[in-house]
Amino acid sequence: MHLKVVKDINSFRDMHEEWGRLFNSNSSHPLPLSHEWLLAWWQTFGNQNDLHIICAYDGSQLVAIAPFMKEHTNY
């Protein structure tokens, strides 16, 4: 098992097919976890922040995804 961190929008877009395979393997298909939903969300709300998607692979197969956003704020 190995991890890969996706930090740019183009790499995130390129994950569409493998993300879809993993998403479709889940019997409940939660829409907010779909690639399309998260990409639209990121393009709407994430522009001033850092994309940080942790992907776990078993060999070459994507087996888990943890999408995060690093936000920069001042208090």
PDB file of N, CA and C in Angstrom:
ATOM      1  N   MET A   1       0.839  -1.165   0.000  1.00  0.00           N
ATOM      2  CA  MET A   1       0.000   0.000   0.000  1.00  0.00           C
ATOM      3  C   MET A   1       0.892   1.239   0.000  1.00  0.00           C
ATOM      4  N   HIS A   2       0.485   2.249  -0.778  1.00  0.00           N
ATOM      5  CA  HIS A   2       1.201   3.515  -0.783  1.00  0.00           C
ATOM      6  C   HIS A   2       0.209   4.671  -0.897  1.00  0.00           C
ATOM      7  N   LEU A   3       0.654   5.848  -0.480  1.00  0.00           N
ATOM      8  CA  LEU A   3      -0.180   7.046  -0.510  1.00  0.00           C
ATOM      9  C   LEU A   3       0.330   8.020  -1.559  1.00  0.00           C
ATOM     10  N   LYS A   4      -0.597   8.767  -2.110  1.00  0.00           N
ATOM     11  CA  LYS A   4      -0.282   9.828  -3.065  1.00  0.00           C
ATOM     12  C   LYS A   4      -1.112  11.034  -2.643  1.00  0.00           C
ATOM     13  N   VAL A   5      -0.523  12.202  -2.656  1.00  0.00           N
ATOM     14  CA  VAL A   5      -1.248  13.417  -2.302  1.00  0.00           C
ATOM     15  C   VAL A   5      -1.434  14.255  -3.567  1.00  0.00           C
ATOM     16  N   VAL A   6      -2.684  14.566  -3.869  1.00  0.00           N
ATOM     17  CA  VAL A   6      -3.024  15.393  -5.027  1.00  0.00           C
ATOM     18  C   VAL A   6      -3.199  16.819  -4.530  1.00  0.00           C
ATOM     19  N   LYS A   7      -2.436  17.745  -5.127  1.00  0.00           N
ATOM     20  CA  LYS A   7      -2.454  19.130  -4.665  1.00  0.00           C
ATOM     21  C   LYS A   7      -2.818  20.135  -5.753  1.00  0.00           C
ATOM     22  N   ASP A   8      -3.082  19.667  -6.967  1.00  0.00           N
ATOM     23  CA  ASP A   8      -3.432  20.618  -8.025  1.00  0.00           C
ATOM     24  C   ASP A   8      -4.683  20.156  -8.760  1.00  0.00           C
ATOM     25  N   ILE A   9      -5.404  21.128  -9.286  1.00  0.00           N
ATOM     26  CA  ILE A   9      -6.704  20.884  -9.894  1.00  0.00           C
ATOM     27  C   ILE A   9      -6.612  19.980 -11.126  1.00  0.00           C
ATOM     28  N   ASN A  10      -5.545  20.088 -11.905  1.00  0.00           N
ATOM     29  CA  ASN A  10      -5.429  19.243 -13.095  1.00  0.00           C
ATOM     30  C   ASN A  10      -5.257  17.780 -12.729  1.00  0.00           C
ATOM     31  N   SER A  11      -4.475  17.491 -11.705  1.00  0.00           N
ATOM     32  CA  SER A  11      -4.322  16.107 -11.241  1.00  0.00           C
ATOM     33  C   SER A  11      -5.644  15.593 -10.684  1.00  0.00           C
ATOM     34  N   PHE A  12      -6.377  16.461  -9.997  1.00  0.00           N
ATOM     35  CA  PHE A  12      -7.693  16.092  -9.482  1.00  0.00           C
ATOM     36  C   PHE A  12      -8.629  15.757 -10.644  1.00  0.00           C
ATOM     37  N   ARG A  13      -8.646  16.578 -11.679  1.00  0.00           N
ATOM     38  CA  ARG A  13      -9.487  16.290 -12.856  1.00  0.00           C
ATOM     39  C   ARG A  13      -9.105  14.954 -13.494  1.00  0.00           C
ATOM     40  N   ASP A  14      -7.811  14.681 -13.569  1.00  0.00           N
ATOM     41  CA  ASP A  14      -7.332  13.455 -14.202  1.00  0.00           C
ATOM     42  C   ASP A  14      -7.753  12.196 -13.450  1.00  0.00           C
ATOM     43  N   MET A  15      -8.169  12.337 -12.201  1.00  0.00           N
ATOM     44  CA  MET A  15      -8.572  11.185 -11.390  1.00  0.00           C
ATOM     45  C   MET A  15     -10.004  10.741 -11.657  1.00  0.00           C
ATOM     46  N   HIS A  16     -10.709  11.410 -12.541  1.00  0.00           N
ATOM     47  CA  HIS A  16     -12.139  11.161 -12.744  1.00  0.00           C
ATOM     48  C   HIS A  16     -12.477   9.673 -12.908  1.00  0.00           C
ATOM     49  N   GLU A  17     -11.784   8.991 -13.789  1.00  0.00           N
ATOM     50  CA  GLU A  17     -12.110   7.590 -14.082  1.00  0.00           C
ATOM     51  C   GLU A  17     -11.851   6.676 -12.885  1.00  0.00           C
ATOM     52  N   GLU A  18     -10.672   6.762 -12.276  1.00  0.00           N
ATOM     53  CA  GLU A  18     -10.376   5.873 -11.153  1.00  0.00           C
ATOM     54  C   GLU A  18     -11.206   6.236  -9.929  1.00  0.00           C
ATOM     55  N   TRP A  19     -11.485   7.521  -9.727  1.00  0.00           N
ATOM     56  CA  TRP A  19     -12.354   7.948  -8.635  1.00  0.00           C
ATOM     57  C   TRP A  19     -13.750   7.352  -8.849  1.00  0.00           C
ATOM     58  N   GLY A  20     -14.235   7.397 -10.088  1.00  0.00           N
ATOM     59  CA  GLY A  20     -15.549   6.840 -10.417  1.00  0.00           C
ATOM     60  C   GLY A  20     -15.630   5.347 -10.146  1.00  0.00           C
ATOM     61  N   ARG A  21     -14.575   4.610 -10.455  1.00  0.00           N
ATOM     62  CA  ARG A  21     -14.575   3.167 -10.174  1.00  0.00           C
ATOM     63  C   ARG A  21     -14.704   2.908  -8.680  1.00  0.00           C
ATOM     64  N   LEU A  22     -13.938   3.654  -7.886  1.00  0.00           N
ATOM     65  CA  LEU A  22     -14.015   3.482  -6.437  1.00  0.00           C
ATOM     66  C   LEU A  22     -15.390   3.910  -5.918  1.00  0.00           C
ATOM     67  N   PHE A  23     -15.892   5.032  -6.392  1.00  0.00           N
ATOM     68  CA  PHE A  23     -17.208   5.533  -5.984  1.00  0.00           C
ATOM     69  C   PHE A  23     -18.297   4.512  -6.298  1.00  0.00           C
ATOM     70  N   ASN A  24     -18.256   3.938  -7.480  1.00  0.00           N
ATOM     71  CA  ASN A  24     -19.280   2.977  -7.895  1.00  0.00           C
ATOM     72  C   ASN A  24     -19.176   1.643  -7.167  1.00  0.00           C
ATOM     73  N   SER A  25     -18.037   1.386  -6.528  1.00  0.00           N
ATOM     74  CA  SER A  25     -17.905   0.137  -5.765  1.00  0.00           C
ATOM     75  C   SER A  25     -18.613   0.232  -4.416  1.00  0.00           C
ATOM     76  N   ASN A  26     -19.024   1.440  -4.016  1.00  0.00           N
ATOM     77  CA  ASN A  26     -19.753   1.656  -2.774  1.00  0.00           C
ATOM     78  C   ASN A  26     -21.238   1.500  -3.074  1.00  0.00           C
ATOM     79  N   SER A  27     -21.930   0.661  -2.324  1.00  0.00           N
ATOM     80  CA  SER A  27     -23.339   0.388  -2.609  1.00  0.00           C
ATOM     81  C   SER A  27     -24.250   1.581  -2.335  1.00  0.00           C
ATOM     82  N   SER A  28     -23.833   2.531  -1.494  1.00  0.00           N
ATOM     83  CA  SER A  28     -24.725   3.644  -1.157  1.00  0.00           C
ATOM     84  C   SER A  28     -24.583   4.849  -2.101  1.00  0.00           C
ATOM     85  N   HIS A  29     -23.490   4.981  -2.815  1.00  0.00           N
ATOM     86  CA  HIS A  29     -23.259   6.066  -3.772  1.00  0.00           C
ATOM     87  C   HIS A  29     -23.603   7.450  -3.204  1.00  0.00           C
ATOM     88  N   PRO A  30     -22.928   7.900  -2.159  1.00  0.00           N
ATOM     89  CA  PRO A  30     -23.224   9.233  -1.607  1.00  0.00           C
ATOM     90  C   PRO A  30     -22.781  10.337  -2.567  1.00  0.00           C
ATOM     91  N   LEU A  31     -23.735  11.060  -3.113  1.00  0.00           N
ATOM     92  CA  LEU A  31     -23.466  12.066  -4.139  1.00  0.00           C
ATOM     93  C   LEU A  31     -22.371  13.061  -3.756  1.00  0.00           C
ATOM     94  N   PRO A  32     -22.328  13.583  -2.519  1.00  0.00           N
ATOM     95  CA  PRO A  32     -21.267  14.551  -2.194  1.00  0.00           C
ATOM     96  C   PRO A  32     -19.850  13.969  -2.224  1.00  0.00           C
ATOM     97  N   LEU A  33     -19.721  12.668  -2.371  1.00  0.00           N
ATOM     98  CA  LEU A  33     -18.396  12.070  -2.488  1.00  0.00           C
ATOM     99  C   LEU A  33     -18.028  11.742  -3.933  1.00  0.00           C
ATOM    100  N   SER A  34     -18.902  12.062  -4.864  1.00  0.00           N
ATOM    101  CA  SER A  34     -18.591  11.803  -6.271  1.00  0.00           C
ATOM    102  C   SER A  34     -17.550  12.803  -6.763  1.00  0.00           C
ATOM    103  N   HIS A  35     -16.808  12.400  -7.762  1.00  0.00           N
ATOM    104  CA  HIS A  35     -15.783  13.270  -8.345  1.00  0.00           C
ATOM    105  C   HIS A  35     -16.425  14.542  -8.893  1.00  0.00           C
ATOM    106  N   GLU A  36     -17.543  14.400  -9.570  1.00  0.00           N
ATOM    107  CA  GLU A  36     -18.208  15.553 -10.167  1.00  0.00           C
ATOM    108  C   GLU A  36     -18.621  16.575  -9.110  1.00  0.00           C
ATOM    109  N   TRP A  37     -19.182  16.089  -8.011  1.00  0.00           N
ATOM    110  CA  TRP A  37     -19.637  16.975  -6.939  1.00  0.00           C
ATOM    111  C   TRP A  37     -18.443  17.711  -6.311  1.00  0.00           C
ATOM    112  N   LEU A  38     -17.418  16.951  -5.964  1.00  0.00           N
ATOM    113  CA  LEU A  38     -16.268  17.569  -5.296  1.00  0.00           C
ATOM    114  C   LEU A  38     -15.508  18.516  -6.215  1.00  0.00           C
ATOM    115  N   LEU A  39     -15.437  18.200  -7.494  1.00  0.00           N
ATOM    116  CA  LEU A  39     -14.782  19.100  -8.441  1.00  0.00           C
ATOM    117  C   LEU A  39     -15.569  20.410  -8.545  1.00  0.00           C
ATOM    118  N   ALA A  40     -16.896  20.324  -8.658  1.00  0.00           N
ATOM    119  CA  ALA A  40     -17.724  21.531  -8.721  1.00  0.00           C
ATOM    120  C   ALA A  40     -17.602  22.321  -7.426  1.00  0.00           C
ATOM    121  N   TRP A  41     -17.593  21.625  -6.289  1.00  0.00           N
ATOM    122  CA  TRP A  41     -17.455  22.296  -4.994  1.00  0.00           C
ATOM    123  C   TRP A  41     -16.118  23.030  -4.936  1.00  0.00           C
ATOM    124  N   TRP A  42     -15.049  22.336  -5.353  1.00  0.00           N
ATOM    125  CA  TRP A  42     -13.725  22.951  -5.293  1.00  0.00           C
ATOM    126  C   TRP A  42     -13.653  24.187  -6.183  1.00  0.00           C
ATOM    127  N   GLN A  43     -14.193  24.089  -7.388  1.00  0.00           N
ATOM    128  CA  GLN A  43     -14.139  25.219  -8.317  1.00  0.00           C
ATOM    129  C   GLN A  43     -14.951  26.412  -7.802  1.00  0.00           C
ATOM    130  N   THR A  44     -15.971  26.145  -6.985  1.00  0.00           N
ATOM    131  CA  THR A  44     -16.808  27.206  -6.441  1.00  0.00           C
ATOM    132  C   THR A  44     -16.239  27.805  -5.160  1.00  0.00           C
ATOM    133  N   PHE A  45     -15.763  26.954  -4.252  1.00  0.00           N
ATOM    134  CA  PHE A  45     -15.389  27.408  -2.917  1.00  0.00           C
ATOM    135  C   PHE A  45     -13.895  27.323  -2.585  1.00  0.00           C
ATOM    136  N   GLY A  46     -13.127  26.615  -3.360  1.00  0.00           N
ATOM    137  CA  GLY A  46     -11.754  26.333  -2.967  1.00  0.00           C
ATOM    138  C   GLY A  46     -10.671  27.197  -3.544  1.00  0.00           C
ATOM    139  N   ASN A  47     -11.020  28.171  -4.339  1.00  0.00           N
ATOM    140  CA  ASN A  47     -10.017  28.924  -5.096  1.00  0.00           C
ATOM    141  C   ASN A  47      -8.918  29.569  -4.271  1.00  0.00           C
ATOM    142  N   GLN A  48      -9.203  30.064  -3.105  1.00  0.00           N
ATOM    143  CA  GLN A  48      -8.198  30.744  -2.289  1.00  0.00           C
ATOM    144  C   GLN A  48      -7.480  29.795  -1.329  1.00  0.00           C
ATOM    145  N   ASN A  49      -7.740  28.516  -1.437  1.00  0.00           N
ATOM    146  CA  ASN A  49      -7.217  27.531  -0.491  1.00  0.00           C
ATOM    147  C   ASN A  49      -6.344  26.504  -1.199  1.00  0.00           C
ATOM    148  N   ASP A  50      -5.766  25.608  -0.433  1.00  0.00           N
ATOM    149  CA  ASP A  50      -4.895  24.568  -0.990  1.00  0.00           C
ATOM    150  C   ASP A  50      -5.620  23.235  -1.034  1.00  0.00           C
ATOM    151  N   LEU A  51      -5.660  22.635  -2.209  1.00  0.00           N
ATOM    152  CA  LEU A  51      -6.223  21.308  -2.399  1.00  0.00           C
ATOM    153  C   LEU A  51      -5.284  20.282  -1.789  1.00  0.00           C
ATOM    154  N   HIS A  52      -5.837  19.298  -1.115  1.00  0.00           N
ATOM    155  CA  HIS A  52      -5.014  18.285  -0.459  1.00  0.00           C
ATOM    156  C   HIS A  52      -5.829  16.989  -0.391  1.00  0.00           C
ATOM    157  N   ILE A  53      -5.719  16.152  -1.415  1.00  0.00           N
ATOM    158  CA  ILE A  53      -6.476  14.901  -1.488  1.00  0.00           C
ATOM    159  C   ILE A  53      -5.502  13.754  -1.274  1.00  0.00           C
ATOM    160  N   ILE A  54      -5.718  12.997  -0.211  1.00  0.00           N
ATOM    161  CA  ILE A  54      -4.866  11.852   0.091  1.00  0.00           C
ATOM    162  C   ILE A  54      -5.505  10.612  -0.542  1.00  0.00           C
ATOM    163  N   CYS A  55      -4.733   9.918  -1.369  1.00  0.00           N
ATOM    164  CA  CYS A  55      -5.209   8.738  -2.078  1.00  0.00           C
ATOM    165  C   CYS A  55      -4.386   7.532  -1.642  1.00  0.00           C
ATOM    166  N   ALA A  56      -5.063   6.463  -1.289  1.00  0.00           N
ATOM    167  CA  ALA A  56      -4.383   5.224  -0.905  1.00  0.00           C
ATOM    168  C   ALA A  56      -4.521   4.216  -2.047  1.00  0.00           C
ATOM    169  N   TYR A  57      -3.405   3.613  -2.405  1.00  0.00           N
ATOM    170  CA  TYR A  57      -3.359   2.638  -3.492  1.00  0.00           C
ATOM    171  C   TYR A  57      -2.865   1.296  -2.976  1.00  0.00           C
ATOM    172  N   ASP A  58      -3.501   0.247  -3.451  1.00  0.00           N
ATOM    173  CA  ASP A  58      -3.020  -1.114  -3.242  1.00  0.00           C
ATOM    174  C   ASP A  58      -2.479  -1.547  -4.594  1.00  0.00           C
ATOM    175  N   GLY A  59      -1.186  -1.505  -4.738  1.00  0.00           N
ATOM    176  CA  GLY A  59      -0.588  -1.689  -6.057  1.00  0.00           C
ATOM    177  C   GLY A  59      -0.941  -0.474  -6.902  1.00  0.00           C
ATOM    178  N   SER A  60      -1.614  -0.699  -8.034  1.00  0.00           N
ATOM    179  CA  SER A  60      -2.028   0.421  -8.877  1.00  0.00           C
ATOM    180  C   SER A  60      -3.513   0.755  -8.710  1.00  0.00           C
ATOM    181  N   GLN A  61      -4.196   0.053  -7.808  1.00  0.00           N
ATOM    182  CA  GLN A  61      -5.632   0.258  -7.628  1.00  0.00           C
ATOM    183  C   GLN A  61      -5.926   1.237  -6.490  1.00  0.00           C
ATOM    184  N   LEU A  62      -6.698   2.263  -6.792  1.00  0.00           N
ATOM    185  CA  LEU A  62      -7.141   3.233  -5.801  1.00  0.00           C
ATOM    186  C   LEU A  62      -8.137   2.556  -4.869  1.00  0.00           C
ATOM    187  N   VAL A  63      -7.862   2.583  -3.570  1.00  0.00           N
ATOM    188  CA  VAL A  63      -8.736   1.902  -2.608  1.00  0.00           C
ATOM    189  C   VAL A  63      -9.359   2.843  -1.581  1.00  0.00           C
ATOM    190  N   ALA A  64      -8.845   4.053  -1.441  1.00  0.00           N
ATOM    191  CA  ALA A  64      -9.415   5.008  -0.484  1.00  0.00           C
ATOM    192  C   ALA A  64      -9.012   6.425  -0.872  1.00  0.00           C
ATOM    193  N   ILE A  65      -9.918   7.364  -0.562  1.00  0.00           N
ATOM    194  CA  ILE A  65      -9.681   8.775  -0.854  1.00  0.00           C
ATOM    195  C   ILE A  65     -10.095   9.590   0.364  1.00  0.00           C
ATOM    196  N   ALA A  66      -9.260  10.545   0.733  1.00  0.00           N
ATOM    197  CA  ALA A  66      -9.587  11.471   1.820  1.00  0.00           C
ATOM    198  C   ALA A  66      -9.376  12.887   1.292  1.00  0.00           C
ATOM    199  N   PRO A  67     -10.460  13.566   0.858  1.00  0.00           N
ATOM    200  CA  PRO A  67     -10.312  14.925   0.327  1.00  0.00           C
ATOM    201  C   PRO A  67     -10.269  15.964   1.445  1.00  0.00           C
ATOM    202  N   PHE A  68      -9.272  16.827   1.384  1.00  0.00           N
ATOM    203  CA  PHE A  68      -9.112  17.892   2.359  1.00  0.00           C
ATOM    204  C   PHE A  68      -8.851  19.212   1.647  1.00  0.00           C
ATOM    205  N   MET A  69      -9.048  20.292   2.376  1.00  0.00           N
ATOM    206  CA  MET A  69      -8.742  21.623   1.907  1.00  0.00           C
ATOM    207  C   MET A  69      -8.008  22.339   3.030  1.00  0.00           C
ATOM    208  N   LYS A  70      -6.899  22.955   2.694  1.00  0.00           N
ATOM    209  CA  LYS A  70      -6.168  23.752   3.668  1.00  0.00           C
ATOM    210  C   LYS A  70      -6.568  25.208   3.450  1.00  0.00           C
ATOM    211  N   GLU A  71      -7.147  25.788   4.485  1.00  0.00           N
ATOM    212  CA  GLU A  71      -7.637  27.153   4.403  1.00  0.00           C
ATOM    213  C   GLU A  71      -6.696  28.100   5.129  1.00  0.00           C
ATOM    214  N   HIS A  72      -6.477  29.251   4.543  1.00  0.00           N
ATOM    215  CA  HIS A  72      -5.629  30.277   5.143  1.00  0.00           C
ATOM    216  C   HIS A  72      -6.532  31.386   5.685  1.00  0.00           C
ATOM    217  N   THR A  73      -6.491  31.597   6.985  1.00  0.00           N
ATOM    218  CA  THR A  73      -7.319  32.643   7.591  1.00  0.00           C
ATOM    219  C   THR A  73      -6.503  33.461   8.575  1.00  0.00           C
ATOM    220  N   ASN A  74      -6.967  34.639   8.850  1.00  0.00           N
ATOM    221  CA  ASN A  74      -6.378  35.500   9.867  1.00  0.00           C
ATOM    222  C   ASN A  74      -7.423  35.742  10.948  1.00  0.00           C
ATOM    223  N   TYR A  75      -6.988  35.692  12.170  1.00  0.00           N
ATOM    224  CA  TYR A  75      -7.897  35.963  13.292  1.00  0.00           C
ATOM    225  C   TYR A  75      -7.622  37.320  13.854  1.00  0.00           C
TER     226      TYR A  75
END
